[in-house]
C-alpha cells in the first residue's frame, strides 16, 4: 500500500493535492518497474538540510534534496529532505518557476529510489531525461494547482 507523508521543519510545507501526488509518484515508479511503499517528504530550510547533510553524509554543503533509501526489491520506500530555500534559488538561477523546480526535486528523489543515479559520468543527463519525462505528466504543472 502506498503511503506518502508530508512533514516540515522551519518552513510551511507546499500545498500538494495528496491524491494527485500519490497518482503521479505511482505512475513514475511504475514506468521504472517499481511499486511505491512509504515515502516521507520533509520540507525544510537551508540550515536544516546543511545540518542533515553534515550529520548523515559528512558533506559540508547545501543541496536541494537528500534521499534516504529504504527500498526493498521492486518496492520503493524512503525519506526525502528538501530545502525550499535551495529550490527557490535554483528556480531563479535556472529561469524556471518555483512550482516546476519543486516538482523536479520531488520526483528526483523518487527517481533515485528507482535506481537512477546522477553522480557518475553521463548520469546527470540520464537523470534529467527521466525528470523531464516525469514532469511532462506532472498534474501540478499541467493544471497549475500547486502553491509553491
N, C-alpha and C. Protein backbone atom coordinates (compact mmCIF):
# COMPACT_ATOMS: atom_id res chain seq x y z
N UNK A 1 0.83 -1.18 0.00
CA UNK A 1 0.00 0.00 0.00
C UNK A 1 0.89 1.26 0.00
N UNK A 2 0.52 2.20 -0.82
CA UNK A 2 1.26 3.46 -0.91
C UNK A 2 0.88 4.39 0.23
N UNK A 3 1.91 4.96 0.86
CA UNK A 3 1.69 5.95 1.91
C UNK A 3 2.70 7.07 1.68
N UNK A 4 2.19 8.28 1.46
CA UNK A 4 3.06 9.44 1.29
C UNK A 4 2.76 10.43 2.41
N UNK A 5 3.81 10.78 3.13
CA UNK A 5 3.68 11.72 4.24
C UNK A 5 4.43 13.01 3.91
N UNK A 6 3.85 14.12 4.33
CA UNK A 6 4.46 15.43 4.15
C UNK A 6 4.71 16.02 5.54
N UNK A 7 5.98 16.34 5.81
CA UNK A 7 6.35 16.97 7.07
C UNK A 7 7.09 18.26 6.74
N UNK A 8 7.23 19.12 7.74
CA UNK A 8 8.02 20.33 7.52
C UNK A 8 8.83 20.65 8.76
N UNK A 9 9.93 21.34 8.54
CA UNK A 9 10.79 21.76 9.64
C UNK A 9 11.26 23.18 9.35
N UNK A 10 10.69 24.17 10.05
CA UNK A 10 11.11 25.55 9.90
C UNK A 10 10.55 26.28 8.69
N UNK A 11 9.70 25.61 7.91
CA UNK A 11 9.08 26.22 6.73
C UNK A 11 7.63 25.73 6.65
N UNK A 12 6.84 26.41 5.84
CA UNK A 12 5.49 25.93 5.55
C UNK A 12 5.58 24.94 4.40
N UNK A 13 5.02 23.76 4.58
CA UNK A 13 5.06 22.74 3.54
C UNK A 13 4.22 23.17 2.33
N UNK A 14 4.65 22.80 1.13
CA UNK A 14 3.86 23.09 -0.07
C UNK A 14 2.48 22.45 0.02
N UNK A 15 1.54 23.04 -0.67
CA UNK A 15 0.16 22.59 -0.64
C UNK A 15 -0.11 21.61 -1.79
N UNK A 16 0.25 20.35 -1.58
CA UNK A 16 0.01 19.33 -2.59
C UNK A 16 -1.38 18.74 -2.44
N UNK A 17 -2.03 18.46 -3.55
CA UNK A 17 -3.21 17.61 -3.54
C UNK A 17 -2.66 16.19 -3.41
N UNK A 18 -2.91 15.54 -2.28
CA UNK A 18 -2.29 14.25 -1.99
C UNK A 18 -2.71 13.16 -2.96
N UNK A 19 -3.94 13.19 -3.44
CA UNK A 19 -4.38 12.18 -4.41
C UNK A 19 -3.59 12.33 -5.72
N UNK A 20 -3.41 13.57 -6.16
CA UNK A 20 -2.64 13.81 -7.39
C UNK A 20 -1.18 13.44 -7.20
N UNK A 21 -0.61 13.82 -6.06
CA UNK A 21 0.79 13.49 -5.79
C UNK A 21 0.99 11.98 -5.77
N UNK A 22 0.12 11.28 -5.09
CA UNK A 22 0.23 9.82 -5.00
C UNK A 22 0.11 9.18 -6.38
N UNK A 23 -0.86 9.61 -7.16
CA UNK A 23 -1.04 9.04 -8.51
C UNK A 23 0.18 9.30 -9.38
N UNK A 24 0.73 10.51 -9.31
CA UNK A 24 1.90 10.86 -10.12
C UNK A 24 3.12 10.03 -9.72
N UNK A 25 3.39 9.96 -8.44
CA UNK A 25 4.54 9.19 -7.96
C UNK A 25 4.38 7.72 -8.33
N UNK A 26 3.17 7.18 -8.17
CA UNK A 26 2.93 5.78 -8.55
C UNK A 26 3.19 5.56 -10.05
N UNK A 27 2.71 6.48 -10.88
CA UNK A 27 2.90 6.33 -12.32
C UNK A 27 4.38 6.38 -12.69
N UNK A 28 5.12 7.32 -12.12
CA UNK A 28 6.55 7.41 -12.41
C UNK A 28 7.27 6.14 -11.94
N UNK A 29 6.96 5.69 -10.75
CA UNK A 29 7.59 4.45 -10.24
C UNK A 29 7.23 3.27 -11.14
N UNK A 30 5.96 3.17 -11.52
CA UNK A 30 5.51 2.08 -12.40
C UNK A 30 6.27 2.11 -13.73
N UNK A 31 6.50 3.30 -14.26
CA UNK A 31 7.25 3.44 -15.51
C UNK A 31 8.69 2.94 -15.38
N UNK A 32 9.16 2.79 -14.16
CA UNK A 32 10.52 2.27 -13.90
C UNK A 32 10.48 0.88 -13.28
N UNK A 33 9.34 0.21 -13.41
CA UNK A 33 9.22 -1.16 -12.93
C UNK A 33 9.17 -1.30 -11.42
N UNK A 34 8.70 -0.26 -10.74
CA UNK A 34 8.66 -0.26 -9.28
C UNK A 34 7.24 0.01 -8.77
N UNK A 35 6.99 -0.40 -7.55
CA UNK A 35 5.77 -0.01 -6.84
C UNK A 35 6.20 0.90 -5.69
N UNK A 36 5.22 1.55 -5.07
CA UNK A 36 5.52 2.55 -4.05
C UNK A 36 5.01 2.07 -2.70
N UNK A 37 5.90 2.10 -1.71
CA UNK A 37 5.55 1.81 -0.33
C UNK A 37 5.37 3.11 0.42
N UNK A 38 6.15 3.29 1.49
CA UNK A 38 6.05 4.50 2.31
C UNK A 38 7.12 5.51 1.90
N UNK A 39 6.67 6.71 1.58
CA UNK A 39 7.57 7.82 1.27
C UNK A 39 7.26 8.96 2.22
N UNK A 40 8.30 9.59 2.73
CA UNK A 40 8.12 10.76 3.57
C UNK A 40 8.95 11.90 3.00
N UNK A 41 8.28 13.02 2.76
CA UNK A 41 8.94 14.24 2.32
C UNK A 41 9.03 15.17 3.53
N UNK A 42 10.25 15.64 3.82
CA UNK A 42 10.46 16.62 4.88
C UNK A 42 10.92 17.91 4.20
N UNK A 43 10.05 18.90 4.21
CA UNK A 43 10.40 20.20 3.62
C UNK A 43 11.01 21.06 4.71
N UNK A 44 12.12 21.72 4.36
CA UNK A 44 12.89 22.44 5.37
C UNK A 44 13.57 23.65 4.76
N UNK A 45 14.39 24.31 5.56
CA UNK A 45 15.18 25.45 5.09
C UNK A 45 16.63 25.00 4.87
N UNK A 46 17.46 25.91 4.41
CA UNK A 46 18.87 25.58 4.12
C UNK A 46 19.63 25.15 5.37
N UNK A 47 19.37 25.80 6.49
CA UNK A 47 20.10 25.44 7.71
C UNK A 47 19.85 23.98 8.09
N UNK A 48 18.60 23.55 7.99
CA UNK A 48 18.25 22.18 8.37
C UNK A 48 18.87 21.16 7.41
N UNK A 49 18.84 21.45 6.11
CA UNK A 49 19.40 20.47 5.17
C UNK A 49 20.92 20.41 5.29
N UNK A 50 21.56 21.54 5.59
CA UNK A 50 23.00 21.52 5.80
C UNK A 50 23.35 20.68 7.02
N UNK A 51 22.59 20.86 8.09
CA UNK A 51 22.79 20.06 9.30
C UNK A 51 22.60 18.57 9.00
N UNK A 52 21.56 18.23 8.24
CA UNK A 52 21.29 16.84 7.88
C UNK A 52 22.42 16.28 7.01
N UNK A 53 22.88 17.08 6.06
CA UNK A 53 23.96 16.66 5.17
C UNK A 53 25.24 16.37 5.97
N UNK A 54 25.54 17.23 6.93
CA UNK A 54 26.73 17.02 7.77
C UNK A 54 26.58 15.79 8.65
N UNK A 55 25.42 15.66 9.27
CA UNK A 55 25.20 14.59 10.25
C UNK A 55 25.18 13.21 9.61
N UNK A 56 24.49 13.06 8.50
CA UNK A 56 24.29 11.73 7.94
C UNK A 56 25.22 11.37 6.79
N UNK A 57 25.71 12.38 6.06
CA UNK A 57 26.54 12.10 4.89
C UNK A 57 27.95 12.66 5.01
N UNK A 58 28.21 13.39 6.08
CA UNK A 58 29.50 14.04 6.28
C UNK A 58 29.86 14.95 5.10
N UNK A 59 28.85 15.60 4.53
CA UNK A 59 29.03 16.58 3.45
C UNK A 59 28.79 17.97 4.05
N UNK A 60 29.67 18.90 3.75
CA UNK A 60 29.56 20.23 4.31
C UNK A 60 29.13 21.23 3.24
N UNK A 61 27.95 21.00 2.66
CA UNK A 61 27.42 21.91 1.66
C UNK A 61 25.90 21.83 1.61
N UNK A 62 25.33 22.89 1.05
CA UNK A 62 23.88 22.95 0.86
C UNK A 62 23.51 22.11 -0.36
N UNK A 63 22.30 21.61 -0.37
CA UNK A 63 21.78 20.85 -1.50
C UNK A 63 20.27 21.03 -1.53
N UNK A 64 19.66 20.64 -2.63
CA UNK A 64 18.20 20.77 -2.70
C UNK A 64 17.49 19.57 -2.09
N UNK A 65 18.09 18.37 -2.20
CA UNK A 65 17.43 17.16 -1.69
C UNK A 65 18.46 16.16 -1.21
N UNK A 66 18.09 15.48 -0.14
CA UNK A 66 18.83 14.32 0.35
C UNK A 66 17.82 13.18 0.40
N UNK A 67 18.16 12.07 -0.21
CA UNK A 67 17.26 10.92 -0.27
C UNK A 67 17.83 9.78 0.57
N UNK A 68 17.03 9.30 1.50
CA UNK A 68 17.38 8.13 2.30
C UNK A 68 16.56 6.96 1.78
N UNK A 69 17.25 5.96 1.26
CA UNK A 69 16.61 4.85 0.56
C UNK A 69 16.40 3.66 1.49
N UNK A 70 15.13 3.28 1.67
CA UNK A 70 14.78 2.11 2.47
C UNK A 70 14.06 1.07 1.60
N UNK A 71 14.26 1.14 0.30
CA UNK A 71 13.57 0.26 -0.64
C UNK A 71 14.02 -1.18 -0.47
N UNK A 72 13.12 -2.07 -0.85
CA UNK A 72 13.49 -3.47 -0.94
C UNK A 72 12.88 -4.06 -2.19
N UNK A 73 13.66 -4.84 -2.87
CA UNK A 73 13.24 -5.46 -4.12
C UNK A 73 12.75 -4.39 -5.08
N UNK A 74 11.51 -4.50 -5.55
CA UNK A 74 10.96 -3.58 -6.54
C UNK A 74 10.02 -2.55 -5.90
N UNK A 75 9.96 -2.52 -4.58
CA UNK A 75 9.07 -1.59 -3.87
C UNK A 75 9.92 -0.48 -3.26
N UNK A 76 9.67 0.76 -3.72
CA UNK A 76 10.45 1.88 -3.23
C UNK A 76 9.88 2.41 -1.91
N UNK A 77 10.79 2.84 -1.07
CA UNK A 77 10.43 3.42 0.21
C UNK A 77 11.60 4.30 0.63
N UNK A 78 11.30 5.44 1.24
CA UNK A 78 12.39 6.29 1.68
C UNK A 78 11.91 7.62 2.23
N UNK A 79 12.89 8.34 2.77
CA UNK A 79 12.69 9.68 3.28
C UNK A 79 13.45 10.64 2.39
N UNK A 80 12.82 11.76 2.07
CA UNK A 80 13.45 12.78 1.23
C UNK A 80 13.35 14.13 1.93
N UNK A 81 14.51 14.71 2.18
CA UNK A 81 14.60 16.00 2.84
C UNK A 81 14.86 17.04 1.74
N UNK A 82 13.98 18.03 1.64
CA UNK A 82 14.05 19.02 0.56
C UNK A 82 14.12 20.43 1.14
N UNK A 83 15.16 21.17 0.75
CA UNK A 83 15.30 22.56 1.17
C UNK A 83 14.53 23.46 0.22
N UNK A 84 13.49 24.10 0.72
CA UNK A 84 12.72 25.04 -0.10
C UNK A 84 13.53 26.28 -0.43
N UNK A 85 14.49 26.65 0.44
CA UNK A 85 15.37 27.78 0.13
C UNK A 85 16.18 27.49 -1.14
N UNK A 86 16.76 26.31 -1.20
CA UNK A 86 17.58 25.94 -2.36
C UNK A 86 16.71 25.74 -3.59
N UNK A 87 15.52 25.18 -3.42
CA UNK A 87 14.60 25.04 -4.57
C UNK A 87 14.32 26.42 -5.17
N UNK A 88 14.04 27.40 -4.31
CA UNK A 88 13.75 28.76 -4.80
C UNK A 88 14.96 29.36 -5.53
N UNK A 89 16.14 29.23 -4.95
CA UNK A 89 17.32 29.82 -5.59
C UNK A 89 17.67 29.09 -6.88
N UNK A 90 17.48 27.77 -6.92
CA UNK A 90 17.73 27.02 -8.16
C UNK A 90 16.73 27.40 -9.25
N UNK A 91 15.48 27.65 -8.86
CA UNK A 91 14.48 28.06 -9.84
C UNK A 91 14.88 29.40 -10.46
N UNK A 92 15.30 30.32 -9.61
CA UNK A 92 15.71 31.64 -10.09
C UNK A 92 16.92 31.51 -11.01
N UNK A 93 17.92 30.75 -10.59
CA UNK A 93 19.14 30.56 -11.40
C UNK A 93 18.83 29.87 -12.72
N UNK A 94 17.90 28.91 -12.69
CA UNK A 94 17.56 28.15 -13.88
C UNK A 94 16.52 28.81 -14.77
N UNK A 95 15.95 29.92 -14.30
CA UNK A 95 14.95 30.62 -15.09
C UNK A 95 13.65 29.85 -15.23
N UNK A 96 13.30 29.06 -14.22
CA UNK A 96 12.04 28.32 -14.23
C UNK A 96 11.20 28.74 -13.03
N UNK A 97 9.94 28.41 -13.06
CA UNK A 97 9.06 28.73 -11.94
C UNK A 97 9.37 27.85 -10.74
N UNK A 98 9.04 28.37 -9.57
CA UNK A 98 9.28 27.61 -8.34
C UNK A 98 8.48 26.31 -8.30
N UNK A 99 7.27 26.32 -8.82
CA UNK A 99 6.46 25.10 -8.84
C UNK A 99 7.12 24.02 -9.68
N UNK A 100 7.65 24.41 -10.84
CA UNK A 100 8.31 23.43 -11.71
C UNK A 100 9.56 22.88 -11.03
N UNK A 101 10.36 23.75 -10.43
CA UNK A 101 11.58 23.29 -9.77
C UNK A 101 11.24 22.40 -8.59
N UNK A 102 10.20 22.75 -7.82
CA UNK A 102 9.78 21.92 -6.70
C UNK A 102 9.36 20.53 -7.19
N UNK A 103 8.57 20.48 -8.25
CA UNK A 103 8.15 19.19 -8.78
C UNK A 103 9.35 18.38 -9.27
N UNK A 104 10.31 19.05 -9.89
CA UNK A 104 11.53 18.36 -10.35
C UNK A 104 12.26 17.72 -9.17
N UNK A 105 12.39 18.45 -8.09
CA UNK A 105 13.12 17.93 -6.94
C UNK A 105 12.33 16.81 -6.26
N UNK A 106 11.02 16.98 -6.13
CA UNK A 106 10.17 15.95 -5.54
C UNK A 106 10.31 14.63 -6.30
N UNK A 107 10.30 14.69 -7.61
CA UNK A 107 10.37 13.46 -8.39
C UNK A 107 11.81 12.97 -8.51
N UNK A 108 12.78 13.87 -8.37
CA UNK A 108 14.19 13.49 -8.39
C UNK A 108 14.46 12.44 -7.31
N UNK A 109 13.93 12.66 -6.12
CA UNK A 109 14.10 11.69 -5.04
C UNK A 109 13.49 10.35 -5.38
N UNK A 110 12.31 10.37 -5.97
CA UNK A 110 11.65 9.12 -6.38
C UNK A 110 12.51 8.39 -7.42
N UNK A 111 13.07 9.13 -8.36
CA UNK A 111 13.92 8.52 -9.38
C UNK A 111 15.16 7.89 -8.76
N UNK A 112 15.73 8.54 -7.75
CA UNK A 112 16.85 7.91 -7.03
C UNK A 112 16.40 6.59 -6.41
N UNK A 113 15.23 6.57 -5.81
CA UNK A 113 14.72 5.34 -5.20
C UNK A 113 14.46 4.26 -6.25
N UNK A 114 14.21 4.69 -7.49
CA UNK A 114 14.02 3.74 -8.59
C UNK A 114 15.35 3.25 -9.17
N UNK A 115 16.45 3.75 -8.64
CA UNK A 115 17.77 3.27 -9.06
C UNK A 115 18.51 4.15 -10.04
N UNK A 116 18.02 5.35 -10.29
CA UNK A 116 18.69 6.25 -11.23
C UNK A 116 19.64 7.14 -10.46
N UNK A 117 20.89 7.16 -10.88
CA UNK A 117 21.93 7.95 -10.21
C UNK A 117 22.26 9.17 -11.04
N UNK A 118 23.00 10.10 -10.42
CA UNK A 118 23.34 11.33 -11.14
C UNK A 118 24.74 11.85 -10.82
N UNK A 119 25.58 11.01 -10.24
CA UNK A 119 26.92 11.47 -9.85
C UNK A 119 28.02 11.02 -10.81
N UNK A 120 27.83 9.91 -11.50
CA UNK A 120 28.88 9.37 -12.37
C UNK A 120 28.86 9.99 -13.76
N UNK A 121 29.86 9.65 -14.57
CA UNK A 121 29.93 10.19 -15.94
C UNK A 121 28.65 9.89 -16.74
N UNK A 122 28.05 10.95 -17.27
CA UNK A 122 26.86 10.81 -18.11
C UNK A 122 25.57 10.59 -17.34
N UNK A 123 25.66 10.33 -16.04
CA UNK A 123 24.45 10.02 -15.28
C UNK A 123 23.54 11.23 -15.08
N UNK A 124 24.11 12.41 -14.97
CA UNK A 124 23.29 13.61 -14.78
C UNK A 124 22.34 13.80 -15.97
N UNK A 125 22.84 13.57 -17.18
CA UNK A 125 21.99 13.73 -18.37
C UNK A 125 20.88 12.69 -18.38
N UNK A 126 21.18 11.47 -17.95
CA UNK A 126 20.16 10.42 -17.88
C UNK A 126 19.09 10.82 -16.85
N UNK A 127 19.53 11.30 -15.70
CA UNK A 127 18.59 11.73 -14.66
C UNK A 127 17.69 12.85 -15.20
N UNK A 128 18.28 13.82 -15.88
CA UNK A 128 17.48 14.93 -16.43
C UNK A 128 16.45 14.43 -17.43
N UNK A 129 16.80 13.45 -18.24
CA UNK A 129 15.83 12.90 -19.19
C UNK A 129 14.65 12.27 -18.45
N UNK A 130 14.94 11.53 -17.39
CA UNK A 130 13.87 10.92 -16.60
C UNK A 130 13.05 11.97 -15.86
N UNK A 131 13.71 13.01 -15.34
CA UNK A 131 12.98 14.11 -14.69
C UNK A 131 12.04 14.78 -15.68
N UNK A 132 12.54 15.07 -16.88
CA UNK A 132 11.72 15.74 -17.89
C UNK A 132 10.52 14.88 -18.29
N UNK A 133 10.72 13.57 -18.42
CA UNK A 133 9.61 12.68 -18.75
C UNK A 133 8.56 12.70 -17.63
N UNK A 134 9.02 12.71 -16.39
CA UNK A 134 8.10 12.74 -15.25
C UNK A 134 7.37 14.08 -15.17
N UNK A 135 8.09 15.17 -15.44
CA UNK A 135 7.46 16.50 -15.40
C UNK A 135 6.40 16.65 -16.50
N UNK A 136 6.60 15.95 -17.60
CA UNK A 136 5.63 16.02 -18.71
C UNK A 136 4.26 15.47 -18.31
N UNK A 137 4.23 14.63 -17.26
CA UNK A 137 2.95 14.07 -16.80
C UNK A 137 2.59 14.57 -15.39
N UNK A 138 3.27 15.59 -14.94
CA UNK A 138 3.04 16.12 -13.58
C UNK A 138 1.71 16.87 -13.53
N UNK A 139 0.78 16.41 -12.71
CA UNK A 139 -0.53 17.07 -12.66
C UNK A 139 -0.48 18.50 -12.13
N UNK A 140 0.51 18.82 -11.33
CA UNK A 140 0.60 20.16 -10.75
C UNK A 140 1.05 21.18 -11.78
N UNK A 141 1.83 20.74 -12.75
CA UNK A 141 2.29 21.66 -13.80
C UNK A 141 1.26 21.75 -14.91
N UNK A 142 0.57 20.66 -15.18
CA UNK A 142 -0.47 20.66 -16.22
C UNK A 142 -1.64 21.52 -15.79
N UNK A 143 -2.05 21.37 -14.51
CA UNK A 143 -3.23 22.10 -14.03
C UNK A 143 -2.87 23.38 -13.27
N UNK A 144 -1.57 23.57 -13.00
CA UNK A 144 -1.11 24.73 -12.25
C UNK A 144 -1.81 24.83 -10.89
N UNK A 145 -1.94 23.67 -10.22
CA UNK A 145 -2.70 23.62 -8.96
C UNK A 145 -1.83 23.56 -7.73
N UNK A 146 -0.55 23.89 -7.83
CA UNK A 146 0.34 23.82 -6.68
C UNK A 146 0.73 25.22 -6.23
N UNK A 147 0.54 25.49 -4.97
CA UNK A 147 1.01 26.75 -4.40
C UNK A 147 2.38 26.49 -3.82
N UNK A 148 3.43 26.91 -4.52
CA UNK A 148 4.80 26.65 -4.04
C UNK A 148 5.24 27.73 -3.10
